[in-house]
Structure formats: structure tokens, C-alpha cells
């Protein structure tokens, strides 16, 4: 992925890049919004951090199924059902991104606080766009 932060804008306020471009020979793959739900359909936990960790596990599993991995992420869009869920999300994000992007070359990312998600037990939802190499 081509990711960068030009000097013409302020540095990122968190773990993201301002720009991310898809190199030639890659296919865009869109991941639907992921919830903190285990493969058996049960909620990973009531707290935002447990749900966020499961969301990132789900994203990694989907990327693997598509023939890629976290390094192919171009953009993440996260939704938090209230500001009280932000610390848990940020803790899980920090741990996950240290593993996924040890060089600090992060995908573009946005975080939106909303009044609610599809059901009251969901604290977070994250959707993603990836660019996976194709021959």
C-alpha cells in the first residue's frame, strides 16, 4: 500500500495515515461492518475493548479468506455507540495496530460516535476497505 502524510496538513492525531493509495495490480475488497461477535454468533463481551478485539479478529479472518492480510488495509471506518466506548476501542486498536503495523505505516481511518448501532448490546462496528494483490 502507498500511505503517506504530507507536510501541507497537520500530522495525524492518532494511528492513521491521511492518504492511502491502491497500487496497480490490486483488487479492492470491501468488508461489511464487523461487530464484536464470535464465530458462533455470541457477543465477545459486554465491554468495548472485548468487542473491538473480536472485531479486529473478524477483520483479519475476512482478509485472510480474501487472500490478503492486515497489511492490505486501505481504510477503516469505526462507529462507536457513545463516547464511553472510545477508551476500550483505542486500547484494542493500539494493541492490534502494534501487531499489524509495527512500522507505523497505518491505513487511513475515521472514527464516528453515533447514538446507537443495530442492537443495544453492540458498542462498536468497524468496516474496512482492502487492496489485495491479484495476478
Protein backbone atom coordinates (compact mmCIF):
# COMPACT_ATOMS: atom_id res chain seq x y z
CA UNK A 1 0.00 0.00 0.00
CA UNK A 2 1.07 3.54 -0.60
CA UNK A 3 0.38 5.55 2.55
CA UNK A 4 1.63 8.98 3.49
CA UNK A 5 1.08 12.18 5.45
CA UNK A 6 2.01 15.31 3.51
CA UNK A 7 3.55 18.27 5.31
CA UNK A 8 0.75 20.52 3.96
CA UNK A 9 -1.65 19.30 6.70
CA UNK A 10 -1.25 18.69 10.44
CA UNK A 11 0.19 15.30 11.43
CA UNK A 12 -2.39 12.58 12.19
CA UNK A 13 -3.97 12.83 15.63
CA UNK A 14 -3.82 9.04 16.05
CA UNK A 15 -2.88 5.77 14.40
CA UNK A 16 -3.77 6.52 10.79
CA UNK A 17 -2.40 7.95 7.57
CA UNK A 18 -4.05 10.90 5.85
CA UNK A 19 -3.66 9.30 2.42
CA UNK A 20 -3.71 5.72 1.20
CA UNK A 21 -3.49 4.74 -2.47
CA UNK A 22 -4.09 1.42 -4.16
CA UNK A 23 -1.14 0.30 -6.27
CA UNK A 24 -1.66 -1.21 -9.73
CA UNK A 25 -2.45 -4.91 -9.80
CA UNK A 26 -4.62 -4.84 -6.66
CA UNK A 27 -8.32 -5.56 -6.30
CA UNK A 28 -10.44 -3.52 -3.91
CA UNK A 29 -12.28 -5.64 -1.36
CA UNK A 30 -14.99 -4.10 0.82
CA UNK A 31 -15.60 -5.57 4.27
CA UNK A 32 -19.05 -5.09 5.74
CA UNK A 33 -19.29 -3.55 9.18
CA UNK A 34 -17.99 -6.04 11.72
CA UNK A 35 -19.38 -6.40 15.23
CA UNK A 36 -17.75 -7.91 18.30
CA UNK A 37 -19.37 -11.27 17.62
CA UNK A 38 -17.58 -14.62 17.86
CA UNK A 39 -17.81 -17.17 15.01
CA UNK A 40 -20.55 -18.99 16.94
CA UNK A 41 -22.69 -15.82 16.92
CA UNK A 42 -22.24 -14.93 20.59
CA UNK A 43 -21.11 -11.50 21.68
CA UNK A 44 -17.40 -11.45 22.62
CA UNK A 45 -18.17 -9.45 25.76
CA UNK A 46 -20.21 -6.55 27.06
CA UNK A 47 -17.27 -4.12 27.06
CA UNK A 48 -15.99 -2.11 24.14
CA UNK A 49 -12.44 -3.46 24.40
CA UNK A 50 -13.54 -7.12 24.18
CA UNK A 51 -15.82 -6.30 21.27
CA UNK A 52 -13.10 -4.31 19.49
CA UNK A 53 -10.58 -7.13 19.83
CA UNK A 54 -13.12 -9.52 18.29
CA UNK A 55 -13.89 -7.04 15.53
CA UNK A 56 -10.21 -6.90 14.61
CA UNK A 57 -10.02 -10.72 14.72
CA UNK A 58 -13.01 -10.86 12.38
CA UNK A 59 -11.42 -8.36 10.00
CA UNK A 60 -8.19 -10.36 9.96
CA UNK A 61 -10.13 -13.59 9.25
CA UNK A 62 -12.04 -11.94 6.40
CA UNK A 63 -8.86 -10.54 4.88
CA UNK A 64 -7.28 -14.00 5.05
CA UNK A 65 -10.34 -15.51 3.38
CA UNK A 66 -9.98 -12.93 0.59
CA UNK A 67 -6.31 -13.86 0.08
CA UNK A 68 -4.79 -10.94 1.95
CA UNK A 69 -3.96 -9.69 5.41
CA UNK A 70 -3.95 -6.56 7.54
CA UNK A 71 -1.10 -5.04 5.54
CA UNK A 72 -3.59 -4.75 2.65
CA UNK A 73 -5.98 -2.46 4.54
CA UNK A 74 -6.54 0.87 2.85
CA UNK A 75 -9.25 2.38 5.07
CA UNK A 76 -11.10 1.65 8.31
CA UNK A 77 -14.32 3.34 9.37
CA UNK A 78 -15.27 2.76 13.01
CA UNK A 79 -18.56 3.58 14.71
CA UNK A 80 -18.81 3.86 18.49
CA UNK A 81 -22.22 3.87 20.17
CA UNK A 82 -21.34 6.68 22.56
CA UNK A 83 -18.11 8.28 23.74
CA UNK A 84 -17.90 5.93 26.73
CA UNK A 85 -16.73 3.20 24.33
CA UNK A 86 -13.77 5.16 22.97
CA UNK A 87 -11.16 4.16 25.61
CA UNK A 88 -11.82 0.43 25.07
CA UNK A 89 -11.72 0.85 21.30
CA UNK A 90 -8.49 2.82 21.41
CA UNK A 91 -6.82 0.27 23.72
CA UNK A 92 -7.70 -2.62 21.40
CA UNK A 93 -6.71 -0.57 18.35
CA UNK A 94 -3.30 0.26 19.84
CA UNK A 95 -2.52 -3.38 20.62
CA UNK A 96 -3.78 -4.63 17.27
CA UNK A 97 -2.01 -1.97 15.23
CA UNK A 98 1.29 -2.64 17.02
CA UNK A 99 0.99 -6.22 15.79
CA UNK A 100 -0.41 -5.45 12.35
CA UNK A 101 1.72 -2.39 11.53
CA UNK A 102 4.94 -2.50 13.58
CA UNK A 103 6.49 0.05 11.22
CA UNK A 104 3.73 2.60 11.93
CA UNK A 105 2.56 2.56 8.30
CA UNK A 106 -1.16 2.79 9.16
CA UNK A 107 -4.16 2.75 6.84
CA UNK A 108 -6.45 5.75 6.55
CA UNK A 109 -9.04 5.70 9.32
CA UNK A 110 -12.11 7.52 10.59
CA UNK A 111 -13.96 7.18 13.89
CA UNK A 112 -17.56 8.32 14.28
CA UNK A 113 -19.58 8.47 17.50
CA UNK A 114 -23.22 7.57 16.91
CA UNK A 115 -26.29 7.39 19.14
CA UNK A 116 -26.73 3.64 18.64
CA UNK A 117 -25.91 0.68 16.43
CA UNK A 118 -28.17 -2.12 15.13
CA UNK A 119 -28.83 -3.52 18.62
CA UNK A 120 -28.17 -2.12 22.11
CA UNK A 121 -25.56 -4.78 23.04
CA UNK A 122 -23.20 -3.59 20.30
CA UNK A 123 -20.68 -0.97 21.43
CA UNK A 124 -18.73 -0.76 18.16
CA UNK A 125 -18.81 -1.56 14.47
CA UNK A 126 -15.90 -1.31 12.04
CA UNK A 127 -15.97 -1.58 8.26
CA UNK A 128 -12.92 -1.72 6.04
CA UNK A 129 -11.57 -1.46 2.51
CA UNK A 130 -8.57 -3.53 1.47
CA UNK A 131 -6.50 -3.73 -1.71
CA UNK A 132 -5.38 -7.29 -2.32
CA UNK A 133 -2.76 -8.15 -4.97
CA UNK A 134 -4.07 -10.09 -7.95
CA UNK A 135 -2.09 -11.69 -10.72
